[in-house]
Amino acid sequence: YNDTLIRPWNGGATRPREGGRYYDEMWRAALDASASVVTITSYNEWGEGTQVEAARPHVTAAGAAYADYAPDPGGAYLDRTREWILRGRRERGCTAEERVEL
């Protein structure tokens, strides 16, 4: 989480991605808690730096830089999300035919 592009005074709340480790820890916590629903509310929250959609480096005309996931590929968080969904299904014994709401 880093919303200093839109709230420059809020640097104290910044939380680094840690190469995806933080995202993984939150998924693990949700599965360990037997959550029946997991929501991802930051699909494209570029202003907060919490986006998980495919990313590439970008600098706005005003000079604001939006980060990608380097050294991971642009779709790294979508891939991570897919893997966590599949892991959750396996851990719960879901069959291939069962629908999982995404």
PDB file of N, CA and C in Angstrom:
ATOM      1  N   TYR A   1       0.845  -1.168   0.000  1.00  0.00           N
ATOM      2  CA  TYR A   1       0.000   0.000   0.000  1.00  0.00           C
ATOM      3  C   TYR A   1       0.887   1.226   0.000  1.00  0.00           C
ATOM      4  N   ASN A   2       0.653   2.105  -0.957  1.00  0.00           N
ATOM      5  CA  ASN A   2       1.396   3.356  -1.005  1.00  0.00           C
ATOM      6  C   ASN A   2       0.552   4.376  -1.744  1.00  0.00           C
ATOM      7  N   ASP A   3      -0.188   5.155  -1.007  1.00  0.00           N
ATOM      8  CA  ASP A   3      -1.059   6.134  -1.653  1.00  0.00           C
ATOM      9  C   ASP A   3      -0.464   7.538  -1.670  1.00  0.00           C
ATOM     10  N   THR A   4       0.853   7.646  -1.570  1.00  0.00           N
ATOM     11  CA  THR A   4       1.477   8.972  -1.522  1.00  0.00           C
ATOM     12  C   THR A   4       1.354   9.729  -2.839  1.00  0.00           C
ATOM     13  N   LEU A   5       1.013   9.044  -3.941  1.00  0.00           N
ATOM     14  CA  LEU A   5       0.761   9.769  -5.184  1.00  0.00           C
ATOM     15  C   LEU A   5      -0.495  10.629  -5.079  1.00  0.00           C
ATOM     16  N   ILE A   6      -1.468  10.186  -4.281  1.00  0.00           N
ATOM     17  CA  ILE A   6      -2.706  10.944  -4.132  1.00  0.00           C
ATOM     18  C   ILE A   6      -2.848  11.563  -2.744  1.00  0.00           C
ATOM     19  N   ARG A   7      -2.121  11.050  -1.774  1.00  0.00           N
ATOM     20  CA  ARG A   7      -2.121  11.579  -0.401  1.00  0.00           C
ATOM     21  C   ARG A   7      -0.674  11.694   0.082  1.00  0.00           C
ATOM     22  N   PRO A   8       0.048  12.725  -0.362  1.00  0.00           N
ATOM     23  CA  PRO A   8       1.480  12.830  -0.048  1.00  0.00           C
ATOM     24  C   PRO A   8       1.801  12.822   1.445  1.00  0.00           C
ATOM     25  N   TRP A   9       0.866  13.189   2.275  1.00  0.00           N
ATOM     26  CA  TRP A   9       1.076  13.251   3.723  1.00  0.00           C
ATOM     27  C   TRP A   9       0.955  11.890   4.407  1.00  0.00           C
ATOM     28  N   ASN A  10       0.598  10.852   3.670  1.00  0.00           N
ATOM     29  CA  ASN A  10       0.267   9.571   4.275  1.00  0.00           C
ATOM     30  C   ASN A  10       1.383   8.532   4.156  1.00  0.00           C
ATOM     31  N   GLY A  11       2.621   8.956   4.023  1.00  0.00           N
ATOM     32  CA  GLY A  11       3.729   8.024   3.850  1.00  0.00           C
ATOM     33  C   GLY A  11       3.901   7.040   4.984  1.00  0.00           C
ATOM     34  N   GLY A  12       3.465   7.413   6.179  1.00  0.00           N
ATOM     35  CA  GLY A  12       3.603   6.520   7.326  1.00  0.00           C
ATOM     36  C   GLY A  12       2.767   5.249   7.210  1.00  0.00           C
ATOM     37  N   ALA A  13       1.753   5.261   6.352  1.00  0.00           N
ATOM     38  CA  ALA A  13       0.890   4.091   6.182  1.00  0.00           C
ATOM     39  C   ALA A  13       1.389   3.160   5.077  1.00  0.00           C
ATOM     40  N   THR A  14       2.467   3.527   4.422  1.00  0.00           N
ATOM     41  CA  THR A  14       2.972   2.737   3.301  1.00  0.00           C
ATOM     42  C   THR A  14       3.345   1.329   3.748  1.00  0.00           C
ATOM     43  N   ARG A  15       2.943   0.354   2.949  1.00  0.00           N
ATOM     44  CA  ARG A  15       3.256  -1.063   3.201  1.00  0.00           C
ATOM     45  C   ARG A  15       3.851  -1.640   1.918  1.00  0.00           C
ATOM     46  N   PRO A  16       5.131  -2.024   1.910  1.00  0.00           N
ATOM     47  CA  PRO A  16       5.736  -2.554   0.687  1.00  0.00           C
ATOM     48  C   PRO A  16       5.164  -3.916   0.303  1.00  0.00           C
ATOM     49  N   ARG A  17       5.217  -4.223  -0.975  1.00  0.00           N
ATOM     50  CA  ARG A  17       4.720  -5.505  -1.479  1.00  0.00           C
ATOM     51  C   ARG A  17       5.616  -6.675  -1.086  1.00  0.00           C
ATOM     52  N   GLU A  18       6.866  -6.400  -0.811  1.00  0.00           N
ATOM     53  CA  GLU A  18       7.828  -7.434  -0.415  1.00  0.00           C
ATOM     54  C   GLU A  18       7.900  -8.561  -1.438  1.00  0.00           C
ATOM     55  N   GLY A  19       7.893  -8.182  -2.723  1.00  0.00           N
ATOM     56  CA  GLY A  19       7.992  -9.198  -3.772  1.00  0.00           C
ATOM     57  C   GLY A  19       6.819 -10.158  -3.802  1.00  0.00           C
ATOM     58  N   GLY A  20       5.674  -9.738  -3.308  1.00  0.00           N
ATOM     59  CA  GLY A  20       4.487 -10.597  -3.284  1.00  0.00           C
ATOM     60  C   GLY A  20       4.274 -11.311  -1.965  1.00  0.00           C
ATOM     61  N   ARG A  21       5.249 -11.244  -1.074  1.00  0.00           N
ATOM     62  CA  ARG A  21       5.128 -11.968   0.195  1.00  0.00           C
ATOM     63  C   ARG A  21       3.942 -11.473   1.018  1.00  0.00           C
ATOM     64  N   TYR A  22       3.722 -10.163   1.059  1.00  0.00           N
ATOM     65  CA  TYR A  22       2.595  -9.628   1.831  1.00  0.00           C
ATOM     66  C   TYR A  22       1.258 -10.138   1.273  1.00  0.00           C
ATOM     67  N   TYR A  23       1.122 -10.145  -0.047  1.00  0.00           N
ATOM     68  CA  TYR A  23      -0.093 -10.651  -0.690  1.00  0.00           C
ATOM     69  C   TYR A  23      -0.310 -12.118  -0.317  1.00  0.00           C
ATOM     70  N   ASP A  24       0.763 -12.889  -0.390  1.00  0.00           N
ATOM     71  CA  ASP A  24       0.679 -14.304  -0.032  1.00  0.00           C
ATOM     72  C   ASP A  24       0.290 -14.499   1.435  1.00  0.00           C
ATOM     73  N   GLU A  25       0.846 -13.682   2.321  1.00  0.00           N
ATOM     74  CA  GLU A  25       0.511 -13.791   3.752  1.00  0.00           C
ATOM     75  C   GLU A  25      -0.972 -13.521   3.985  1.00  0.00           C
ATOM     76  N   MET A  26      -1.535 -12.564   3.278  1.00  0.00           N
ATOM     77  CA  MET A  26      -2.958 -12.257   3.455  1.00  0.00           C
ATOM     78  C   MET A  26      -3.835 -13.381   2.921  1.00  0.00           C
ATOM     79  N   TRP A  27      -3.448 -13.969   1.795  1.00  0.00           N
ATOM     80  CA  TRP A  27      -4.186 -15.124   1.272  1.00  0.00           C
ATOM     81  C   TRP A  27      -4.101 -16.296   2.246  1.00  0.00           C
ATOM     82  N   ARG A  28      -2.896 -16.567   2.755  1.00  0.00           N
ATOM     83  CA  ARG A  28      -2.720 -17.677   3.692  1.00  0.00           C
ATOM     84  C   ARG A  28      -3.595 -17.463   4.928  1.00  0.00           C
ATOM     85  N   ALA A  29      -3.624 -16.226   5.436  1.00  0.00           N
ATOM     86  CA  ALA A  29      -4.444 -15.923   6.614  1.00  0.00           C
ATOM     87  C   ALA A  29      -5.925 -16.154   6.318  1.00  0.00           C
ATOM     88  N   ALA A  30      -6.382 -15.773   5.128  1.00  0.00           N
ATOM     89  CA  ALA A  30      -7.789 -15.971   4.764  1.00  0.00           C
ATOM     90  C   ALA A  30      -8.125 -17.459   4.700  1.00  0.00           C
ATOM     91  N   LEU A  31      -7.254 -18.239   4.089  1.00  0.00           N
ATOM     92  CA  LEU A  31      -7.512 -19.684   4.003  1.00  0.00           C
ATOM     93  C   LEU A  31      -7.434 -20.347   5.368  1.00  0.00           C
ATOM     94  N   ASP A  32      -6.470 -19.929   6.186  1.00  0.00           N
ATOM     95  CA  ASP A  32      -6.349 -20.501   7.532  1.00  0.00           C
ATOM     96  C   ASP A  32      -7.565 -20.179   8.388  1.00  0.00           C
ATOM     97  N   ALA A  33      -8.211 -19.040   8.115  1.00  0.00           N
ATOM     98  CA  ALA A  33      -9.402 -18.646   8.866  1.00  0.00           C
ATOM     99  C   ALA A  33     -10.670 -19.296   8.307  1.00  0.00           C
ATOM    100  N   SER A  34     -10.512 -20.137   7.289  1.00  0.00           N
ATOM    101  CA  SER A  34     -11.640 -20.794   6.626  1.00  0.00           C
ATOM    102  C   SER A  34     -12.648 -19.789   6.092  1.00  0.00           C
ATOM    103  N   ALA A  35     -12.144 -18.697   5.549  1.00  0.00           N
ATOM    104  CA  ALA A  35     -13.024 -17.677   4.981  1.00  0.00           C
ATOM    105  C   ALA A  35     -13.877 -18.291   3.879  1.00  0.00           C
ATOM    106  N   SER A  36     -15.159 -18.012   3.886  1.00  0.00           N
ATOM    107  CA  SER A  36     -16.036 -18.541   2.842  1.00  0.00           C
ATOM    108  C   SER A  36     -15.986 -17.667   1.593  1.00  0.00           C
ATOM    109  N   VAL A  37     -15.527 -16.441   1.753  1.00  0.00           N
ATOM    110  CA  VAL A  37     -15.404 -15.503   0.637  1.00  0.00           C
ATOM    111  C   VAL A  37     -14.109 -14.727   0.811  1.00  0.00           C
ATOM    112  N   VAL A  38     -13.394 -14.547  -0.275  1.00  0.00           N
ATOM    113  CA  VAL A  38     -12.223 -13.680  -0.284  1.00  0.00           C
ATOM    114  C   VAL A  38     -12.471 -12.634  -1.352  1.00  0.00           C
ATOM    115  N   THR A  39     -12.427 -11.380  -0.980  1.00  0.00           N
ATOM    116  CA  THR A  39     -12.611 -10.309  -1.957  1.00  0.00           C
ATOM    117  C   THR A  39     -11.286  -9.596  -2.185  1.00  0.00           C
ATOM    118  N   ILE A  40     -11.103  -9.162  -3.403  1.00  0.00           N
ATOM    119  CA  ILE A  40      -9.928  -8.364  -3.754  1.00  0.00           C
ATOM    120  C   ILE A  40     -10.478  -7.021  -4.192  1.00  0.00           C
ATOM    121  N   THR A  41     -10.349  -6.052  -3.328  1.00  0.00           N
ATOM    122  CA  THR A  41     -10.959  -4.745  -3.596  1.00  0.00           C
ATOM    123  C   THR A  41     -10.008  -3.779  -4.281  1.00  0.00           C
ATOM    124  N   SER A  42      -8.827  -4.220  -4.593  1.00  0.00           N
ATOM    125  CA  SER A  42      -7.812  -3.333  -5.156  1.00  0.00           C
ATOM    126  C   SER A  42      -7.382  -3.745  -6.547  1.00  0.00           C
ATOM    127  N   TYR A  43      -8.269  -4.293  -7.343  1.00  0.00           N
ATOM    128  CA  TYR A  43      -7.877  -4.777  -8.662  1.00  0.00           C
ATOM    129  C   TYR A  43      -7.101  -3.718  -9.452  1.00  0.00           C
ATOM    130  N   ASN A  44      -7.613  -2.492  -9.495  1.00  0.00           N
ATOM    131  CA  ASN A  44      -6.939  -1.459 -10.267  1.00  0.00           C
ATOM    132  C   ASN A  44      -6.746  -0.158  -9.477  1.00  0.00           C
ATOM    133  N   GLU A  45      -6.420  -0.271  -8.238  1.00  0.00           N
ATOM    134  CA  GLU A  45      -6.194   0.901  -7.385  1.00  0.00           C
ATOM    135  C   GLU A  45      -4.766   1.426  -7.541  1.00  0.00           C
ATOM    136  N   TRP A  46      -4.473   1.970  -8.694  1.00  0.00           N
ATOM    137  CA  TRP A  46      -3.133   2.478  -8.984  1.00  0.00           C
ATOM    138  C   TRP A  46      -2.763   3.629  -8.065  1.00  0.00           C
ATOM    139  N   GLY A  47      -3.703   4.465  -7.713  1.00  0.00           N
ATOM    140  CA  GLY A  47      -3.424   5.602  -6.840  1.00  0.00           C
ATOM    141  C   GLY A  47      -2.997   5.185  -5.448  1.00  0.00           C
ATOM    142  N   GLU A  48      -3.398   4.000  -5.026  1.00  0.00           N
ATOM    143  CA  GLU A  48      -3.005   3.479  -3.716  1.00  0.00           C
ATOM    144  C   GLU A  48      -1.841   2.504  -3.815  1.00  0.00           C
ATOM    145  N   GLY A  49      -1.452   2.160  -5.024  1.00  0.00           N
ATOM    146  CA  GLY A  49      -0.365   1.205  -5.190  1.00  0.00           C
ATOM    147  C   GLY A  49      -0.738  -0.196  -4.769  1.00  0.00           C
ATOM    148  N   THR A  50      -2.033  -0.520  -4.793  1.00  0.00           N
ATOM    149  CA  THR A  50      -2.473  -1.855  -4.374  1.00  0.00           C
ATOM    150  C   THR A  50      -3.054  -2.653  -5.533  1.00  0.00           C
ATOM    151  N   GLN A  51      -2.864  -2.194  -6.748  1.00  0.00           N
ATOM    152  CA  GLN A  51      -3.419  -2.882  -7.916  1.00  0.00           C
ATOM    153  C   GLN A  51      -2.851  -4.282  -8.039  1.00  0.00           C
ATOM    154  N   VAL A  52      -3.664  -5.180  -8.592  1.00  0.00           N
ATOM    155  CA  VAL A  52      -3.183  -6.526  -8.891  1.00  0.00           C
ATOM    156  C   VAL A  52      -3.334  -6.842 -10.370  1.00  0.00           C
ATOM    157  N   GLU A  53      -3.942  -5.941 -11.136  1.00  0.00           N
ATOM    158  CA  GLU A  53      -4.068  -6.175 -12.569  1.00  0.00           C
ATOM    159  C   GLU A  53      -2.687  -6.125 -13.224  1.00  0.00           C
ATOM    160  N   ALA A  54      -2.611  -6.563 -14.459  1.00  0.00           N
ATOM    161  CA  ALA A  54      -1.340  -6.555 -15.175  1.00  0.00           C
ATOM    162  C   ALA A  54      -0.739  -5.156 -15.161  1.00  0.00           C
ATOM    163  N   ALA A  55       0.574  -5.094 -14.957  1.00  0.00           N
ATOM    164  CA  ALA A  55       1.231  -3.802 -14.771  1.00  0.00           C
ATOM    165  C   ALA A  55       2.477  -3.661 -15.629  1.00  0.00           C
ATOM    166  N   ARG A  56       2.744  -2.440 -15.974  1.00  0.00           N
ATOM    167  CA  ARG A  56       4.005  -2.066 -16.602  1.00  0.00           C
ATOM    168  C   ARG A  56       4.356  -0.683 -16.073  1.00  0.00           C
ATOM    169  N   PRO A  57       5.625  -0.308 -16.089  1.00  0.00           N
ATOM    170  CA  PRO A  57       5.997   1.004 -15.565  1.00  0.00           C
ATOM    171  C   PRO A  57       5.313   2.112 -16.367  1.00  0.00           C
ATOM    172  N   HIS A  58       4.922   3.166 -15.682  1.00  0.00           N
ATOM    173  CA  HIS A  58       4.277   4.293 -16.361  1.00  0.00           C
ATOM    174  C   HIS A  58       4.571   5.566 -15.582  1.00  0.00           C
ATOM    175  N   VAL A  59       4.874   6.615 -16.319  1.00  0.00           N
ATOM    176  CA  VAL A  59       5.062   7.933 -15.722  1.00  0.00           C
ATOM    177  C   VAL A  59       4.046   8.862 -16.363  1.00  0.00           C
ATOM    178  N   THR A  60       3.252   9.546 -15.544  1.00  0.00           N
ATOM    179  CA  THR A  60       2.238  10.460 -16.052  1.00  0.00           C
ATOM    180  C   THR A  60       2.887  11.730 -16.589  1.00  0.00           C
ATOM    181  N   ALA A  61       2.104  12.530 -17.291  1.00  0.00           N
ATOM    182  CA  ALA A  61       2.600  13.805 -17.817  1.00  0.00           C
ATOM    183  C   ALA A  61       3.064  14.721 -16.690  1.00  0.00           C
ATOM    184  N   ALA A  62       2.485  14.552 -15.511  1.00  0.00           N
ATOM    185  CA  ALA A  62       2.864  15.368 -14.352  1.00  0.00           C
ATOM    186  C   ALA A  62       4.104  14.819 -13.649  1.00  0.00           C
ATOM    187  N   GLY A  63       4.611  13.658 -14.110  1.00  0.00           N
ATOM    188  CA  GLY A  63       5.819  13.085 -13.529  1.00  0.00           C
ATOM    189  C   GLY A  63       5.591  12.061 -12.435  1.00  0.00           C
ATOM    190  N   ALA A  64       4.344  11.708 -12.162  1.00  0.00           N
ATOM    191  CA  ALA A  64       4.055  10.680 -11.154  1.00  0.00           C
ATOM    192  C   ALA A  64       4.369   9.308 -11.736  1.00  0.00           C
ATOM    193  N   ALA A  65       5.117   8.517 -11.003  1.00  0.00           N
ATOM    194  CA  ALA A  65       5.508   7.191 -11.481  1.00  0.00           C
ATOM    195  C   ALA A  65       4.661   6.110 -10.826  1.00  0.00           C
ATOM    196  N   TYR A  66       4.088   5.241 -11.654  1.00  0.00           N
ATOM    197  CA  TYR A  66       3.351   4.084 -11.173  1.00  0.00           C
ATOM    198  C   TYR A  66       4.250   2.873 -11.340  1.00  0.00           C
ATOM    199  N   ALA A  67       4.380   2.086 -10.299  1.00  0.00           N
ATOM    200  CA  ALA A  67       5.310   0.962 -10.303  1.00  0.00           C
ATOM    201  C   ALA A  67       4.721  -0.266 -10.989  1.00  0.00           C
ATOM    202  N   ASP A  68       5.604  -1.063 -11.537  1.00  0.00           N
ATOM    203  CA  ASP A  68       5.213  -2.374 -12.032  1.00  0.00           C
ATOM    204  C   ASP A  68       5.616  -3.400 -10.970  1.00  0.00           C
ATOM    205  N   TYR A  69       5.731  -4.656 -11.325  1.00  0.00           N
ATOM    206  CA  TYR A  69       6.050  -5.699 -10.343  1.00  0.00           C
ATOM    207  C   TYR A  69       7.466  -6.239 -10.524  1.00  0.00           C
ATOM    208  N   ALA A  70       8.296  -5.492 -11.219  1.00  0.00           N
ATOM    209  CA  ALA A  70       9.666  -5.946 -11.495  1.00  0.00           C
ATOM    210  C   ALA A  70      10.339  -6.402 -10.204  1.00  0.00           C
ATOM    211  N   PRO A  71      11.063  -7.467 -10.251  1.00  0.00           N
ATOM    212  CA  PRO A  71      11.492  -8.203 -11.435  1.00  0.00           C
ATOM    213  C   PRO A  71      10.491  -9.244 -11.928  1.00  0.00           C
ATOM    214  N   ASP A  72       9.342  -9.339 -11.291  1.00  0.00           N
ATOM    215  CA  ASP A  72       8.314 -10.281 -11.745  1.00  0.00           C
ATOM    216  C   ASP A  72       7.627  -9.736 -12.996  1.00  0.00           C
ATOM    217  N   PRO A  73       7.015 -10.615 -13.801  1.00  0.00           N
ATOM    218  CA  PRO A  73       6.322 -10.157 -15.009  1.00  0.00           C
ATOM    219  C   PRO A  73       5.067  -9.358 -14.667  1.00  0.00           C
ATOM    220  N   GLY A  74       4.553  -8.640 -15.666  1.00  0.00           N
ATOM    221  CA  GLY A  74       3.407  -7.755 -15.468  1.00  0.00           C
ATOM    222  C   GLY A  74       2.160  -8.418 -14.929  1.00  0.00           C
ATOM    223  N   GLY A  75       1.955  -9.681 -15.234  1.00  0.00           N
ATOM    224  CA  GLY A  75       0.769 -10.393 -14.759  1.00  0.00           C
ATOM    225  C   GLY A  75       0.995 -11.179 -13.487  1.00  0.00           C
ATOM    226  N   ALA A  76       2.040 -10.861 -12.756  1.00  0.00           N
ATOM    227  CA  ALA A  76       2.435 -11.661 -11.589  1.00  0.00           C
ATOM    228  C   ALA A  76       1.327 -11.801 -10.542  1.00  0.00           C
ATOM    229  N   TYR A  77       0.598 -10.725 -10.264  1.00  0.00           N
ATOM    230  CA  TYR A  77      -0.421 -10.810  -9.208  1.00  0.00           C
ATOM    231  C   TYR A  77      -1.676 -11.531  -9.688  1.00  0.00           C
ATOM    232  N   LEU A  78      -1.983 -11.465 -10.961  1.00  0.00           N
ATOM    233  CA  LEU A  78      -3.087 -12.275 -11.475  1.00  0.00           C
ATOM    234  C   LEU A  78      -2.710 -13.752 -11.389  1.00  0.00           C
ATOM    235  N   ASP A  79      -1.461 -14.068 -11.719  1.00  0.00           N
ATOM    236  CA  ASP A  79      -0.996 -15.453 -11.593  1.00  0.00           C
ATOM    237  C   ASP A  79      -1.028 -15.903 -10.138  1.00  0.00           C
ATOM    238  N   ARG A  80      -0.572 -15.037  -9.235  1.00  0.00           N
ATOM    239  CA  ARG A  80      -0.597 -15.373  -7.799  1.00  0.00           C
ATOM    240  C   ARG A  80      -2.023 -15.610  -7.333  1.00  0.00           C
ATOM    241  N   THR A  81      -2.950 -14.765  -7.769  1.00  0.00           N
ATOM    242  CA  THR A  81      -4.353 -14.898  -7.373  1.00  0.00           C
ATOM    243  C   THR A  81      -4.904 -16.237  -7.846  1.00  0.00           C
ATOM    244  N   ARG A  82      -4.628 -16.578  -9.091  1.00  0.00           N
ATOM    245  CA  ARG A  82      -5.083 -17.868  -9.637  1.00  0.00           C
ATOM    246  C   ARG A  82      -4.530 -19.032  -8.805  1.00  0.00           C
ATOM    247  N   GLU A  83      -3.250 -18.968  -8.464  1.00  0.00           N
ATOM    248  CA  GLU A  83      -2.633 -20.036  -7.675  1.00  0.00           C
ATOM    249  C   GLU A  83      -3.262 -20.147  -6.289  1.00  0.00           C
ATOM    250  N   TRP A  84      -3.555 -19.028  -5.659  1.00  0.00           N
ATOM    251  CA  TRP A  84      -4.187 -19.072  -4.333  1.00  0.00           C
ATOM    252  C   TRP A  84      -5.612 -19.614  -4.407  1.00  0.00           C
ATOM    253  N   ILE A  85      -6.326 -19.268  -5.460  1.00  0.00           N
ATOM    254  CA  ILE A  85      -7.680 -19.817  -5.628  1.00  0.00           C
ATOM    255  C   ILE A  85      -7.603 -21.333  -5.782  1.00  0.00           C
ATOM    256  N   LEU A  86      -6.690 -21.785  -6.625  1.00  0.00           N
ATOM    257  CA  LEU A  86      -6.542 -23.230  -6.822  1.00  0.00           C
ATOM    258  C   LEU A  86      -6.110 -23.921  -5.535  1.00  0.00           C
ATOM    259  N   ARG A  87      -5.206 -23.315  -4.794  1.00  0.00           N
ATOM    260  CA  ARG A  87      -4.761 -23.887  -3.517  1.00  0.00           C
ATOM    261  C   ARG A  87      -5.937 -23.965  -2.543  1.00  0.00           C
ATOM    262  N   GLY A  88      -6.723 -22.917  -2.475  1.00  0.00           N
ATOM    263  CA  GLY A  88      -7.887 -22.928  -1.591  1.00  0.00           C
ATOM    264  C   GLY A  88      -8.875 -24.008  -1.969  1.00  0.00           C
ATOM    265  N   ARG A  89      -9.083 -24.189  -3.262  1.00  0.00           N
ATOM    266  CA  ARG A  89      -9.988 -25.253  -3.716  1.00  0.00           C
ATOM    267  C   ARG A  89      -9.451 -26.621  -3.298  1.00  0.00           C
ATOM    268  N   ARG A  90      -8.153 -26.846  -3.500  1.00  0.00           N
ATOM    269  CA  ARG A  90      -7.560 -28.143  -3.117  1.00  0.00           C
ATOM    270  C   ARG A  90      -7.682 -28.376  -1.621  1.00  0.00           C
ATOM    271  N   GLU A  91      -7.374 -27.354  -0.834  1.00  0.00           N
ATOM    272  CA  GLU A  91      -7.413 -27.510   0.619  1.00  0.00           C
ATOM    273  C   GLU A  91      -8.823 -27.778   1.128  1.00  0.00           C
ATOM    274  N   ARG A  92      -9.820 -27.324   0.416  1.00  0.00           N
ATOM    275  CA  ARG A  92     -11.206 -27.546   0.815  1.00  0.00           C
ATOM    276  C   ARG A  92     -11.814 -28.768   0.150  1.00  0.00           C
ATOM    277  N   GLY A  93     -11.040 -29.435  -0.681  1.00  0.00           N
ATOM    278  CA  GLY A  93     -11.528 -30.644  -1.330  1.00  0.00           C
ATOM    279  C   GLY A  93     -12.562 -30.392  -2.403  1.00  0.00           C
ATOM    280  N   CYS A  94     -12.533 -29.240  -3.035  1.00  0.00           N
ATOM    281  CA  CYS A  94     -13.492 -28.924  -4.102  1.00  0.00           C
ATOM    282  C   CYS A  94     -13.192 -29.779  -5.323  1.00  0.00           C
ATOM    283  N   THR A  95     -14.234 -30.180  -6.010  1.00  0.00           N
ATOM    284  CA  THR A  95     -14.052 -30.909  -7.250  1.00  0.00           C
ATOM    285  C   THR A  95     -13.939 -29.910  -8.393  1.00  0.00           C
ATOM    286  N   ALA A  96     -13.454 -30.381  -9.514  1.00  0.00           N
ATOM    287  CA  ALA A  96     -13.283 -29.527 -10.678  1.00  0.00           C
ATOM    288  C   ALA A  96     -14.606 -28.950 -11.170  1.00  0.00           C
ATOM    289  N   GLU A  97     -15.699 -29.652 -10.887  1.00  0.00           N
ATOM    290  CA  GLU A  97     -17.001 -29.213 -11.374  1.00  0.00           C
ATOM    291  C   GLU A  97     -17.619 -28.113 -10.510  1.00  0.00           C
ATOM    292  N   GLU A  98     -17.155 -27.981  -9.276  1.00  0.00           N
ATOM    293  CA  GLU A  98     -17.733 -26.990  -8.387  1.00  0.00           C
ATOM    294  C   GLU A  98     -17.318 -25.594  -8.808  1.00  0.00           C
ATOM    295  N   ARG A  99     -18.264 -24.713  -8.826  1.00  0.00           N
ATOM    296  CA  ARG A  99     -17.988 -23.327  -9.199  1.00  0.00           C
ATOM    297  C   ARG A  99     -17.470 -22.566  -8.005  1.00  0.00           C
ATOM    298  N   VAL A 100     -16.480 -21.758  -8.252  1.00  0.00           N
ATOM    299  CA  VAL A 100     -15.958 -20.875  -7.236  1.00  0.00           C
ATOM    300  C   VAL A 100     -16.204 -19.456  -7.711  1.00  0.00           C
ATOM    301  N   GLU A 101     -16.888 -18.668  -6.923  1.00  0.00           N
ATOM    302  CA  GLU A 101     -17.143 -17.283  -7.284  1.00  0.00           C
ATOM    303  C   GLU A 101     -15.841 -16.503  -7.263  1.00  0.00           C
ATOM    304  N   LEU A 102     -15.569 -15.780  -8.309  1.00  0.00           N
ATOM    305  CA  LEU A 102     -14.374 -14.953  -8.381  1.00  0.00           C
ATOM    306  C   LEU A 102     -14.746 -13.498  -8.438  1.00  0.00           C
TER     307      LEU A 102
END
